[in-house]
PDB file of N, CA and C in Angstrom:
ATOM      1  N   UNK A   1      11.880  -3.026  18.376  1.00  0.00           N
ATOM      2  CA  UNK A   1      11.894  -2.001  17.345  1.00  0.00           C
ATOM      3  C   UNK A   1      11.142  -0.764  17.811  1.00  0.00           C
ATOM      4  N   UNK A   2      11.596   0.345  17.355  1.00  0.00           N
ATOM      5  CA  UNK A   2      10.969   1.621  17.702  1.00  0.00           C
ATOM      6  C   UNK A   2      10.056   2.049  16.564  1.00  0.00           C
ATOM      7  N   UNK A   3       8.854   2.451  16.896  1.00  0.00           N
ATOM      8  CA  UNK A   3       7.913   2.903  15.866  1.00  0.00           C
ATOM      9  C   UNK A   3       8.076   4.394  15.685  1.00  0.00           C
ATOM     10  N   UNK A   4       8.450   4.791  14.495  1.00  0.00           N
ATOM     11  CA  UNK A   4       8.581   6.207  14.159  1.00  0.00           C
ATOM     12  C   UNK A   4       7.334   6.652  13.421  1.00  0.00           C
ATOM     13  N   UNK A   5       6.814   7.785  13.816  1.00  0.00           N
ATOM     14  CA  UNK A   5       5.644   8.327  13.139  1.00  0.00           C
ATOM     15  C   UNK A   5       6.030   8.731  11.721  1.00  0.00           C
ATOM     16  N   UNK A   6       5.228   8.316  10.764  1.00  0.00           N
ATOM     17  CA  UNK A   6       5.503   8.642   9.363  1.00  0.00           C
ATOM     18  C   UNK A   6       4.325   9.406   8.791  1.00  0.00           C
ATOM     19  N   UNK A   7       4.619  10.239   7.839  1.00  0.00           N
ATOM     20  CA  UNK A   7       3.580  10.993   7.147  1.00  0.00           C
ATOM     21  C   UNK A   7       3.629  10.652   5.672  1.00  0.00           C
ATOM     22  N   UNK A   8       2.487  10.751   5.032  1.00  0.00           N
ATOM     23  CA  UNK A   8       2.444  10.535   3.593  1.00  0.00           C
ATOM     24  C   UNK A   8       2.964  11.776   2.878  1.00  0.00           C
ATOM     25  N   UNK A   9       3.554  11.559   1.725  1.00  0.00           N
ATOM     26  CA  UNK A   9       4.035  12.687   0.927  1.00  0.00           C
ATOM     27  C   UNK A   9       2.853  13.343   0.210  1.00  0.00           C
ATOM     28  N   UNK A  10       3.086  14.528  -0.296  1.00  0.00           N
ATOM     29  CA  UNK A  10       2.039  15.215  -1.055  1.00  0.00           C
ATOM     30  C   UNK A  10       1.644  14.395  -2.286  1.00  0.00           C
ATOM     31  N   UNK A  11       2.633  13.776  -2.931  1.00  0.00           N
ATOM     32  CA  UNK A  11       2.344  12.936  -4.100  1.00  0.00           C
ATOM     33  C   UNK A  11       1.454  11.751  -3.724  1.00  0.00           C
ATOM     34  N   UNK A  12       1.733  11.135  -2.580  1.00  0.00           N
ATOM     35  CA  UNK A  12       0.887  10.023  -2.135  1.00  0.00           C
ATOM     36  C   UNK A  12      -0.537  10.496  -1.865  1.00  0.00           C
ATOM     37  N   UNK A  13      -0.672  11.658  -1.261  1.00  0.00           N
ATOM     38  CA  UNK A  13      -2.008  12.190  -0.973  1.00  0.00           C
ATOM     39  C   UNK A  13      -2.787  12.439  -2.259  1.00  0.00           C
ATOM     40  N   UNK A  14      -2.108  12.956  -3.274  1.00  0.00           N
ATOM     41  CA  UNK A  14      -2.773  13.177  -4.561  1.00  0.00           C
ATOM     42  C   UNK A  14      -3.197  11.851  -5.196  1.00  0.00           C
ATOM     43  N   UNK A  15      -2.342  10.832  -5.084  1.00  0.00           N
ATOM     44  CA  UNK A  15      -2.692   9.518  -5.624  1.00  0.00           C
ATOM     45  C   UNK A  15      -3.833   8.879  -4.834  1.00  0.00           C
ATOM     46  N   UNK A  16      -3.874   9.134  -3.526  1.00  0.00           N
ATOM     47  CA  UNK A  16      -4.993   8.625  -2.725  1.00  0.00           C
ATOM     48  C   UNK A  16      -6.302   9.277  -3.156  1.00  0.00           C
ATOM     49  N   UNK A  17      -6.248  10.546  -3.507  1.00  0.00           N
ATOM     50  CA  UNK A  17      -7.439  11.232  -4.009  1.00  0.00           C
ATOM     51  C   UNK A  17      -7.916  10.580  -5.305  1.00  0.00           C
ATOM     52  N   UNK A  18      -6.981  10.254  -6.189  1.00  0.00           N
ATOM     53  CA  UNK A  18      -7.340   9.546  -7.425  1.00  0.00           C
ATOM     54  C   UNK A  18      -7.940   8.177  -7.109  1.00  0.00           C
ATOM     55  N   UNK A  19      -7.382   7.507  -6.118  1.00  0.00           N
ATOM     56  CA  UNK A  19      -7.891   6.190  -5.716  1.00  0.00           C
ATOM     57  C   UNK A  19      -9.315   6.290  -5.202  1.00  0.00           C
ATOM     58  N   UNK A  20      -9.577   7.333  -4.444  1.00  0.00           N
ATOM     59  CA  UNK A  20     -10.918   7.550  -3.913  1.00  0.00           C
ATOM     60  C   UNK A  20     -11.902   7.778  -5.053  1.00  0.00           C
ATOM     61  N   UNK A  21     -11.508   8.575  -6.018  1.00  0.00           N
ATOM     62  CA  UNK A  21     -12.368   8.839  -7.174  1.00  0.00           C
ATOM     63  C   UNK A  21     -12.597   7.580  -8.010  1.00  0.00           C
ATOM     64  N   UNK A  22     -11.584   6.707  -8.081  1.00  0.00           N
ATOM     65  CA  UNK A  22     -11.694   5.463  -8.857  1.00  0.00           C
ATOM     66  C   UNK A  22     -12.385   4.348  -8.069  1.00  0.00           C
ATOM     67  N   UNK A  23     -12.684   4.622  -6.800  1.00  0.00           N
ATOM     68  CA  UNK A  23     -13.373   3.663  -5.925  1.00  0.00           C
ATOM     69  C   UNK A  23     -12.593   2.357  -5.762  1.00  0.00           C
ATOM     70  N   UNK A  24     -11.268   2.485  -5.591  1.00  0.00           N
ATOM     71  CA  UNK A  24     -10.429   1.302  -5.409  1.00  0.00           C
ATOM     72  C   UNK A  24      -9.791   1.251  -4.021  1.00  0.00           C
ATOM     73  N   UNK A  25     -10.167   2.164  -3.135  1.00  0.00           N
ATOM     74  CA  UNK A  25      -9.584   2.218  -1.795  1.00  0.00           C
ATOM     75  C   UNK A  25      -9.760   0.902  -1.027  1.00  0.00           C
ATOM     76  N   UNK A  26     -10.941   0.249  -1.046  1.00  0.00           N
ATOM     77  CA  UNK A  26     -11.066  -1.009  -0.290  1.00  0.00           C
ATOM     78  C   UNK A  26     -10.071  -2.085  -0.734  1.00  0.00           C
ATOM     79  N   UNK A  27      -9.865  -2.223  -2.035  1.00  0.00           N
ATOM     80  CA  UNK A  27      -8.919  -3.226  -2.529  1.00  0.00           C
ATOM     81  C   UNK A  27      -7.480  -2.827  -2.186  1.00  0.00           C
ATOM     82  N   UNK A  28      -7.182  -1.543  -2.277  1.00  0.00           N
ATOM     83  CA  UNK A  28      -5.848  -1.072  -1.904  1.00  0.00           C
ATOM     84  C   UNK A  28      -5.590  -1.328  -0.424  1.00  0.00           C
ATOM     85  N   UNK A  29      -6.595  -1.079   0.397  1.00  0.00           N
ATOM     86  CA  UNK A  29      -6.453  -1.307   1.829  1.00  0.00           C
ATOM     87  C   UNK A  29      -6.149  -2.772   2.109  1.00  0.00           C
ATOM     88  N   UNK A  30      -6.847  -3.666   1.466  1.00  0.00           N
ATOM     89  CA  UNK A  30      -6.610  -5.093   1.665  1.00  0.00           C
ATOM     90  C   UNK A  30      -5.169  -5.456   1.285  1.00  0.00           C
ATOM     91  N   UNK A  31      -4.698  -4.949   0.172  1.00  0.00           N
ATOM     92  CA  UNK A  31      -3.336  -5.212  -0.284  1.00  0.00           C
ATOM     93  C   UNK A  31      -2.309  -4.645   0.696  1.00  0.00           C
ATOM     94  N   UNK A  32      -2.483  -3.392   1.096  1.00  0.00           N
ATOM     95  CA  UNK A  32      -1.535  -2.744   1.999  1.00  0.00           C
ATOM     96  C   UNK A  32      -1.540  -3.421   3.366  1.00  0.00           C
ATOM     97  N   UNK A  33      -2.686  -3.878   3.827  1.00  0.00           N
ATOM     98  CA  UNK A  33      -2.739  -4.642   5.085  1.00  0.00           C
ATOM     99  C   UNK A  33      -1.888  -5.903   4.987  1.00  0.00           C
ATOM    100  N   UNK A  34      -1.990  -6.606   3.854  1.00  0.00           N
ATOM    101  CA  UNK A  34      -1.182  -7.817   3.652  1.00  0.00           C
ATOM    102  C   UNK A  34       0.304  -7.484   3.705  1.00  0.00           C
ATOM    103  N   UNK A  35       0.706  -6.461   2.972  1.00  0.00           N
ATOM    104  CA  UNK A  35       2.116  -6.076   2.964  1.00  0.00           C
ATOM    105  C   UNK A  35       2.575  -5.669   4.363  1.00  0.00           C
ATOM    106  N   UNK A  36       1.774  -4.864   5.040  1.00  0.00           N
ATOM    107  CA  UNK A  36       2.138  -4.394   6.375  1.00  0.00           C
ATOM    108  C   UNK A  36       2.236  -5.554   7.348  1.00  0.00           C
ATOM    109  N   UNK A  37       1.335  -6.509   7.243  1.00  0.00           N
ATOM    110  CA  UNK A  37       1.373  -7.695   8.094  1.00  0.00           C
ATOM    111  C   UNK A  37       2.662  -8.485   7.872  1.00  0.00           C
ATOM    112  N   UNK A  38       3.040  -8.677   6.607  1.00  0.00           N
ATOM    113  CA  UNK A  38       4.296  -9.372   6.302  1.00  0.00           C
ATOM    114  C   UNK A  38       5.489  -8.611   6.864  1.00  0.00           C
ATOM    115  N   UNK A  39       5.468  -7.298   6.735  1.00  0.00           N
ATOM    116  CA  UNK A  39       6.568  -6.485   7.256  1.00  0.00           C
ATOM    117  C   UNK A  39       6.667  -6.588   8.771  1.00  0.00           C
ATOM    118  N   UNK A  40       5.532  -6.555   9.452  1.00  0.00           N
ATOM    119  CA  UNK A  40       5.524  -6.626  10.910  1.00  0.00           C
ATOM    120  C   UNK A  40       6.086  -7.960  11.397  1.00  0.00           C
ATOM    121  N   UNK A  41       5.796  -9.024  10.665  1.00  0.00           N
ATOM    122  CA  UNK A  41       6.240 -10.358  11.073  1.00  0.00           C
ATOM    123  C   UNK A  41       7.661 -10.675  10.640  1.00  0.00           C
ATOM    124  N   UNK A  42       8.053 -10.193   9.466  1.00  0.00           N
ATOM    125  CA  UNK A  42       9.298 -10.657   8.866  1.00  0.00           C
ATOM    126  C   UNK A  42      10.330  -9.583   8.569  1.00  0.00           C
ATOM    127  N   UNK A  43       9.995  -8.333   8.730  1.00  0.00           N
ATOM    128  CA  UNK A  43      10.935  -7.271   8.375  1.00  0.00           C
ATOM    129  C   UNK A  43      11.077  -7.133   6.871  1.00  0.00           C
ATOM    130  N   UNK A  44      12.241  -6.678   6.418  1.00  0.00           N
ATOM    131  CA  UNK A  44      12.484  -6.455   4.994  1.00  0.00           C
ATOM    132  C   UNK A  44      12.695  -7.751   4.238  1.00  0.00           C
ATOM    133  N   UNK A  45      13.127  -7.623   3.004  1.00  0.00           N
ATOM    134  CA  UNK A  45      13.382  -8.790   2.176  1.00  0.00           C
ATOM    135  C   UNK A  45      12.309  -9.000   1.128  1.00  0.00           C
ATOM    136  N   UNK A  46      12.430 -10.124   0.419  1.00  0.00           N
ATOM    137  CA  UNK A  46      11.493 -10.433  -0.672  1.00  0.00           C
ATOM    138  C   UNK A  46      10.397 -11.353  -0.145  1.00  0.00           C
ATOM    139  N   UNK A  47       9.154 -11.048  -0.458  1.00  0.00           N
ATOM    140  CA  UNK A  47       7.987 -11.808  -0.012  1.00  0.00           C
ATOM    141  C   UNK A  47       6.976 -11.880  -1.143  1.00  0.00           C
ATOM    142  N   UNK A  48       5.851 -12.523  -0.863  1.00  0.00           N
ATOM    143  CA  UNK A  48       4.783 -12.586  -1.850  1.00  0.00           C
ATOM    144  C   UNK A  48       3.419 -12.570  -1.183  1.00  0.00           C
ATOM    145  N   UNK A  49       2.436 -12.058  -1.890  1.00  0.00           N
ATOM    146  CA  UNK A  49       1.042 -12.091  -1.453  1.00  0.00           C
ATOM    147  C   UNK A  49       0.217 -12.622  -2.613  1.00  0.00           C
ATOM    148  N   UNK A  50      -1.029 -12.881  -2.351  1.00  0.00           N
ATOM    149  CA  UNK A  50      -1.946 -13.362  -3.381  1.00  0.00           C
ATOM    150  C   UNK A  50      -1.996 -12.352  -4.532  1.00  0.00           C
ATOM    151  N   UNK A  51      -1.641 -12.799  -5.723  1.00  0.00           N
ATOM    152  CA  UNK A  51      -1.594 -11.906  -6.890  1.00  0.00           C
ATOM    153  C   UNK A  51      -2.955 -11.306  -7.219  1.00  0.00           C
ATOM    154  N   UNK A  52      -4.042 -11.950  -6.790  1.00  0.00           N
ATOM    155  CA  UNK A  52      -5.373 -11.404  -7.085  1.00  0.00           C
ATOM    156  C   UNK A  52      -5.600 -10.057  -6.395  1.00  0.00           C
ATOM    157  N   UNK A  53      -4.840  -9.785  -5.328  1.00  0.00           N
ATOM    158  CA  UNK A  53      -4.954  -8.489  -4.657  1.00  0.00           C
ATOM    159  C   UNK A  53      -4.474  -7.350  -5.553  1.00  0.00           C
ATOM    160  N   UNK A  54      -3.661  -7.684  -6.546  1.00  0.00           N
ATOM    161  CA  UNK A  54      -3.175  -6.679  -7.493  1.00  0.00           C
ATOM    162  C   UNK A  54      -3.947  -6.701  -8.798  1.00  0.00           C
ATOM    163  N   UNK A  55      -5.042  -7.422  -8.816  1.00  0.00           N
ATOM    164  CA  UNK A  55      -5.850  -7.541 -10.025  1.00  0.00           C
ATOM    165  C   UNK A  55      -6.980  -6.514  -9.984  1.00  0.00           C
ATOM    166  N   UNK A  56      -6.864  -5.500 -10.818  1.00  0.00           N
ATOM    167  CA  UNK A  56      -7.859  -4.435 -10.894  1.00  0.00           C
ATOM    168  C   UNK A  56      -8.536  -4.494 -12.254  1.00  0.00           C
ATOM    169  N   UNK A  57      -9.748  -3.977 -12.337  1.00  0.00           N
ATOM    170  CA  UNK A  57     -10.464  -3.989 -13.620  1.00  0.00           C
ATOM    171  C   UNK A  57      -9.791  -3.080 -14.649  1.00  0.00           C
ATOM    172  N   UNK A  58      -9.121  -2.055 -14.191  1.00  0.00           N
ATOM    173  CA  UNK A  58      -8.412  -1.124 -15.081  1.00  0.00           C
ATOM    174  C   UNK A  58      -6.914  -1.192 -14.777  1.00  0.00           C
ATOM    175  N   UNK A  59      -6.095  -1.278 -15.809  1.00  0.00           N
ATOM    176  CA  UNK A  59      -4.645  -1.326 -15.605  1.00  0.00           C
ATOM    177  C   UNK A  59      -4.130  -0.065 -14.916  1.00  0.00           C
ATOM    178  N   UNK A  60      -4.761   1.079 -15.208  1.00  0.00           N
ATOM    179  CA  UNK A  60      -4.321   2.331 -14.575  1.00  0.00           C
ATOM    180  C   UNK A  60      -4.533   2.286 -13.062  1.00  0.00           C
ATOM    181  N   UNK A  61      -5.560   1.546 -12.590  1.00  0.00           N
ATOM    182  CA  UNK A  61      -5.784   1.410 -11.151  1.00  0.00           C
ATOM    183  C   UNK A  61      -4.676   0.581 -10.510  1.00  0.00           C
ATOM    184  N   UNK A  62      -4.229  -0.448 -11.228  1.00  0.00           N
ATOM    185  CA  UNK A  62      -3.118  -1.264 -10.737  1.00  0.00           C
ATOM    186  C   UNK A  62      -1.845  -0.419 -10.675  1.00  0.00           C
ATOM    187  N   UNK A  63      -1.591   0.346 -11.721  1.00  0.00           N
ATOM    188  CA  UNK A  63      -0.402   1.197 -11.758  1.00  0.00           C
ATOM    189  C   UNK A  63      -0.446   2.254 -10.660  1.00  0.00           C
ATOM    190  N   UNK A  64      -1.614   2.813 -10.411  1.00  0.00           N
ATOM    191  CA  UNK A  64      -1.805   3.795  -9.349  1.00  0.00           C
ATOM    192  C   UNK A  64      -1.488   3.176  -7.993  1.00  0.00           C
ATOM    193  N   UNK A  65      -1.997   1.975  -7.769  1.00  0.00           N
ATOM    194  CA  UNK A  65      -1.771   1.278  -6.502  1.00  0.00           C
ATOM    195  C   UNK A  65      -0.296   0.965  -6.308  1.00  0.00           C
ATOM    196  N   UNK A  66       0.342   0.448  -7.335  1.00  0.00           N
ATOM    197  CA  UNK A  66       1.765   0.127  -7.242  1.00  0.00           C
ATOM    198  C   UNK A  66       2.574   1.390  -6.947  1.00  0.00           C
ATOM    199  N   UNK A  67       2.227   2.498  -7.579  1.00  0.00           N
ATOM    200  CA  UNK A  67       2.947   3.757  -7.354  1.00  0.00           C
ATOM    201  C   UNK A  67       2.832   4.208  -5.902  1.00  0.00           C
ATOM    202  N   UNK A  68       1.635   4.148  -5.337  1.00  0.00           N
ATOM    203  CA  UNK A  68       1.444   4.570  -3.942  1.00  0.00           C
ATOM    204  C   UNK A  68       2.259   3.691  -3.004  1.00  0.00           C
ATOM    205  N   UNK A  69       2.200   2.384  -3.221  1.00  0.00           N
ATOM    206  CA  UNK A  69       2.915   1.443  -2.352  1.00  0.00           C
ATOM    207  C   UNK A  69       4.428   1.639  -2.481  1.00  0.00           C
ATOM    208  N   UNK A  70       4.911   1.821  -3.699  1.00  0.00           N
ATOM    209  CA  UNK A  70       6.351   1.979  -3.895  1.00  0.00           C
ATOM    210  C   UNK A  70       6.878   3.261  -3.260  1.00  0.00           C
ATOM    211  N   UNK A  71       6.031   4.287  -3.151  1.00  0.00           N
ATOM    212  CA  UNK A  71       6.440   5.515  -2.464  1.00  0.00           C
ATOM    213  C   UNK A  71       6.637   5.278  -0.967  1.00  0.00           C
ATOM    214  N   UNK A  72       6.140   4.146  -0.473  1.00  0.00           N
ATOM    215  CA  UNK A  72       6.282   3.794   0.940  1.00  0.00           C
ATOM    216  C   UNK A  72       7.416   2.800   1.179  1.00  0.00           C
ATOM    217  N   UNK A  73       8.241   2.557   0.170  1.00  0.00           N
ATOM    218  CA  UNK A  73       9.416   1.710   0.364  1.00  0.00           C
ATOM    219  C   UNK A  73       9.228   0.242   0.055  1.00  0.00           C
ATOM    220  N   UNK A  74       8.164  -0.107  -0.669  1.00  0.00           N
ATOM    221  CA  UNK A  74       7.916  -1.502  -1.041  1.00  0.00           C
ATOM    222  C   UNK A  74       7.875  -1.583  -2.566  1.00  0.00           C
ATOM    223  N   UNK A  75       8.816  -2.329  -3.142  1.00  0.00           N
ATOM    224  CA  UNK A  75       8.861  -2.515  -4.589  1.00  0.00           C
ATOM    225  C   UNK A  75       7.973  -3.704  -4.948  1.00  0.00           C
ATOM    226  N   UNK A  76       6.965  -3.471  -5.780  1.00  0.00           N
ATOM    227  CA  UNK A  76       5.919  -4.453  -6.071  1.00  0.00           C
ATOM    228  C   UNK A  76       6.060  -4.988  -7.494  1.00  0.00           C
ATOM    229  N   UNK A  77       5.867  -6.298  -7.642  1.00  0.00           N
ATOM    230  CA  UNK A  77       5.798  -6.934  -8.956  1.00  0.00           C
ATOM    231  C   UNK A  77       4.338  -7.292  -9.224  1.00  0.00           C
ATOM    232  N   UNK A  78       3.960  -7.381 -10.486  1.00  0.00           N
ATOM    233  CA  UNK A  78       2.565  -7.662 -10.831  1.00  0.00           C
ATOM    234  C   UNK A  78       2.125  -9.071 -10.441  1.00  0.00           C
ATOM    235  N   UNK A  79       3.082  -9.959 -10.116  1.00  0.00           N
ATOM    236  CA  UNK A  79       2.728 -11.316  -9.683  1.00  0.00           C
ATOM    237  C   UNK A  79       2.444 -11.390  -8.183  1.00  0.00           C
ATOM    238  N   UNK A  80       2.507 -10.248  -7.491  1.00  0.00           N
ATOM    239  CA  UNK A  80       2.220 -10.206  -6.066  1.00  0.00           C
ATOM    240  C   UNK A  80       3.462 -10.226  -5.196  1.00  0.00           C
ATOM    241  N   UNK A  81       4.622 -10.544  -5.770  1.00  0.00           N
ATOM    242  CA  UNK A  81       5.844 -10.541  -4.970  1.00  0.00           C
ATOM    243  C   UNK A  81       6.279  -9.100  -4.714  1.00  0.00           C
ATOM    244  N   UNK A  82       6.995  -8.918  -3.628  1.00  0.00           N
ATOM    245  CA  UNK A  82       7.443  -7.573  -3.291  1.00  0.00           C
ATOM    246  C   UNK A  82       8.739  -7.635  -2.504  1.00  0.00           C
ATOM    247  N   UNK A  83       9.506  -6.573  -2.594  1.00  0.00           N
ATOM    248  CA  UNK A  83      10.745  -6.423  -1.851  1.00  0.00           C
ATOM    249  C   UNK A  83      10.629  -5.147  -1.037  1.00  0.00           C
ATOM    250  N   UNK A  84      10.981  -5.247   0.240  1.00  0.00           N
ATOM    251  CA  UNK A  84      10.826  -4.108   1.147  1.00  0.00           C
ATOM    252  C   UNK A  84      12.172  -3.550   1.577  1.00  0.00           C
ATOM    253  N   UNK A  85      12.188  -2.265   1.782  1.00  0.00           N
ATOM    254  CA  UNK A  85      13.326  -1.640   2.430  1.00  0.00           C
ATOM    255  C   UNK A  85      13.192  -1.954   3.922  1.00  0.00           C
ATOM    256  N   UNK A  86      14.288  -1.995   4.629  1.00  0.00           N
ATOM    257  CA  UNK A  86      14.263  -2.336   6.054  1.00  0.00           C
ATOM    258  C   UNK A  86      13.371  -1.399   6.865  1.00  0.00           C
ATOM    259  N   UNK A  87      13.324  -0.134   6.493  1.00  0.00           N
ATOM    260  CA  UNK A  87      12.580   0.857   7.278  1.00  0.00           C
ATOM    261  C   UNK A  87      11.205   1.178   6.696  1.00  0.00           C
ATOM    262  N   UNK A  88      10.660   0.289   5.876  1.00  0.00           N
ATOM    263  CA  UNK A  88       9.388   0.560   5.192  1.00  0.00           C
ATOM    264  C   UNK A  88       8.169   0.421   6.101  1.00  0.00           C
ATOM    265  N   UNK A  89       8.304  -0.239   7.246  1.00  0.00           N
ATOM    266  CA  UNK A  89       7.126  -0.532   8.065  1.00  0.00           C
ATOM    267  C   UNK A  89       6.357   0.724   8.469  1.00  0.00           C
ATOM    268  N   UNK A  90       7.033   1.748   8.966  1.00  0.00           N
ATOM    269  CA  UNK A  90       6.302   2.936   9.437  1.00  0.00           C
ATOM    270  C   UNK A  90       5.608   3.659   8.280  1.00  0.00           C
ATOM    271  N   UNK A  91       6.241   3.694   7.113  1.00  0.00           N
ATOM    272  CA  UNK A  91       5.603   4.322   5.952  1.00  0.00           C
ATOM    273  C   UNK A  91       4.393   3.517   5.489  1.00  0.00           C
ATOM    274  N   UNK A  92       4.515   2.191   5.499  1.00  0.00           N
ATOM    275  CA  UNK A  92       3.385   1.342   5.106  1.00  0.00           C
ATOM    276  C   UNK A  92       2.257   1.430   6.130  1.00  0.00           C
ATOM    277  N   UNK A  93       2.617   1.525   7.406  1.00  0.00           N
ATOM    278  CA  UNK A  93       1.592   1.660   8.443  1.00  0.00           C
ATOM    279  C   UNK A  93       0.822   2.970   8.260  1.00  0.00           C
ATOM    280  N   UNK A  94       1.525   4.050   7.929  1.00  0.00           N
ATOM    281  CA  UNK A  94       0.861   5.340   7.690  1.00  0.00           C
ATOM    282  C   UNK A  94      -0.079   5.244   6.491  1.00  0.00           C
ATOM    283  N   UNK A  95       0.357   4.552   5.446  1.00  0.00           N
ATOM    284  CA  UNK A  95      -0.490   4.366   4.264  1.00  0.00           C
ATOM    285  C   UNK A  95      -1.713   3.526   4.614  1.00  0.00           C
ATOM    286  N   UNK A  96      -1.513   2.486   5.399  1.00  0.00           N
ATOM    287  CA  UNK A  96      -2.619   1.613   5.803  1.00  0.00           C
ATOM    288  C   UNK A  96      -3.669   2.397   6.597  1.00  0.00           C
ATOM    289  N   UNK A  97      -3.226   3.196   7.539  1.00  0.00           N
ATOM    290  CA  UNK A  97      -4.148   4.003   8.347  1.00  0.00           C
ATOM    291  C   UNK A  97      -4.900   4.999   7.461  1.00  0.00           C
ATOM    292  N   UNK A  98      -4.198   5.623   6.541  1.00  0.00           N
ATOM    293  CA  UNK A  98      -4.839   6.590   5.637  1.00  0.00           C
ATOM    294  C   UNK A  98      -5.905   5.931   4.776  1.00  0.00           C
ATOM    295  N   UNK A  99      -5.589   4.758   4.233  1.00  0.00           N
ATOM    296  CA  UNK A  99      -6.571   4.027   3.425  1.00  0.00           C
ATOM    297  C   UNK A  99      -7.769   3.599   4.267  1.00  0.00           C
ATOM    298  N   UNK A 100      -7.509   3.175   5.495  1.00  0.00           N
ATOM    299  CA  UNK A 100      -8.591   2.759   6.392  1.00  0.00           C
ATOM    300  C   UNK A 100      -9.541   3.925   6.660  1.00  0.00           C
ATOM    301  N   UNK A 101      -8.977   5.083   6.952  1.00  0.00           N
ATOM    302  CA  UNK A 101      -9.804   6.263   7.226  1.00  0.00           C
ATOM    303  C   UNK A 101     -10.587   6.675   5.984  1.00  0.00           C
ATOM    304  N   UNK A 102      -9.939   6.665   4.826  1.00  0.00           N
ATOM    305  CA  UNK A 102     -10.648   6.996   3.581  1.00  0.00           C
ATOM    306  C   UNK A 102     -11.800   6.032   3.326  1.00  0.00           C
ATOM    307  N   UNK A 103     -11.563   4.751   3.592  1.00  0.00           N
ATOM    308  CA  UNK A 103     -12.633   3.771   3.386  1.00  0.00           C
ATOM    309  C   UNK A 103     -13.807   4.057   4.312  1.00  0.00           C
ATOM    310  N   UNK A 104     -13.512   4.368   5.572  1.00  0.00           N
ATOM    311  CA  UNK A 104     -14.586   4.682   6.522  1.00  0.00           C
ATOM    312  C   UNK A 104     -15.363   5.925   6.101  1.00  0.00           C
ATOM    313  N   UNK A 105     -14.653   6.954   5.671  1.00  0.00           N
ATOM    314  CA  UNK A 105     -15.300   8.208   5.296  1.00  0.00           C
ATOM    315  C   UNK A 105     -16.088   8.109   3.993  1.00  0.00           C
ATOM    316  N   UNK A 106     -15.724   7.154   3.152  1.00  0.00           N
ATOM    317  CA  UNK A 106     -16.395   7.050   1.852  1.00  0.00           C
ATOM    318  C   UNK A 106     -17.602   6.122   1.875  1.00  0.00           C
ATOM    319  N   UNK A 107     -17.885   5.529   3.014  1.00  0.00           N
ATOM    320  CA  UNK A 107     -19.053   4.629   3.106  1.00  0.00           C
ATOM    321  C   UNK A 107     -20.333   5.411   3.177  1.00  0.00           C
TER     322      UNK A 107
END
């Protein structure tokens, strides 16, 4: 497979700013790492991760997280299951790197 460089959209960047303000970046990073790992190993299709990764103290934080992830080509259910577009890996990898950098900068 060829890795194509992907960039986040302006909407994703704005949602990441909200995530930073809500202090949920570490949990989002853990979730996105799980999704990206599944994508790297299995490609597209329907999968599942631990539903506790989608458990936030505020429902708006969960909705924010789902919105950011879905903008990267991964349709998320609240039970942790997800369906990926075939080409979602590069977009998810870009999101993962962005969350990682935000987490480092916010420490």
